[in-house]
Amino acid sequence: MPDCRPRVKDVAAVRAVAGAVLRGRIGLVAVLLLVAALLGGILPGQAQEVSIKVLVNDDPISDYDIDQRARFLAITTQQQPSPALKKQATDMLIDERLQMQQAKKATVTADEADVTKILEDMAQKNNLTVDGLATALAKAGVNIKTLKDRIRAQIVWQDMIGRKFRREVQIADVDIDKAMSEAGEEGGGGETESSLQLRQVKFEIPAGADQRTIAARLAAAEALRARFGSCAELAKGLSGASVKTLQDQKPASLAQPARLLVTNAKVGQMTPPTISQAAVELYAVCGKRSFKGDDAARQTAERKLMSKELLLRAERLLRDVRAEAFIEYR
């Protein structure tokens, strides 16, 4: 009889990536495929009568669901079937049910085309079709639906967390400088650069407008500047004008005299109106920041810090949601 046990170097490779499998959408598929190829046939599927084992806010989890997820964990973490593995599988499914429920409340759904695309990409990288991928997983006793459900839950949860918290998370320049320094990157050298958070207000001037019309637009702009209180309330009660948000605007990108006016203005102030051929314009200065270093490197560091903060908020939210959920074990 041939020896079907995985080679030591294969097991080491699986264990090295197992920690990342359960967190990444695409890596999840790739490693499942790898392990199924290495360990195919060691966990054959068995026919069984399906019964409900857990209710999560009336959303059922069957013993079949738990069995499939336990097989999933066994082949990705090289664990042997055990009560602890079964509990881990059950907890994972409960979390996913809660994530899907929260996403539904926020009207966030997973595009099935995205799920299919992930499967197609990973199958292609392993010289397989999606059907071939399903066959490889089946050899390890895992129905591809289990994989699709996992991917689908991760997609909607990530999307929902981004929509819920992204605008609340602000990464300070000092934190970016610290992250770049810890990574050994040049974050504090070079020339100092500045960027502005602006609200651009435009009172449009019709083509061929006479001096009376232009004077009226200018007067409306002056009146707006006189009553301006804050950027947050700028659009309230505003009529006859448009407001555009300009994030991280470099002063050099603005034409004169607007460039000079916004550079000299303090945060919370509105610049005097300027007249162009098409509009009377004003700028509300909502924020300023100065930094040193390469823009691209800083943006990369900022994205990493943003992702880390969003992950922490996602973990806290899921913990709170689970604490408030009705979970019945049968």
Foldseek 3Di string as FASTA:
>chain_A
DDDLAADPVLLVVLQVCLVVLLPDLLSVLQSLLSLLVSRFQPAAADDDDWDFFKQWLNNTDIPVQLVQQLLSSCSRNVDDDDPVSSVVSVVVVSLLVLLVVVLVVVVFFDDVVVLLVSLQVSQVVVVHGSVRSQVSNNSSVHGCVSSSSSSRSSVSNVVVLCVPPVVVDDDDLVNLLVLCVVVVHPWADDDKFKFFKKKKKWQWDDPPHDPVSVVVQLVLQVVLQVPQFAPVCSPPPDPRMDIDIDGRHGLVVDDPPQSVQLVPDDARHKGRWDDDNTTTMIMHTNDMDMTDDDPVSSVVSVVVVSVVVSVVVSVVVSVVSSVPIDMDGD
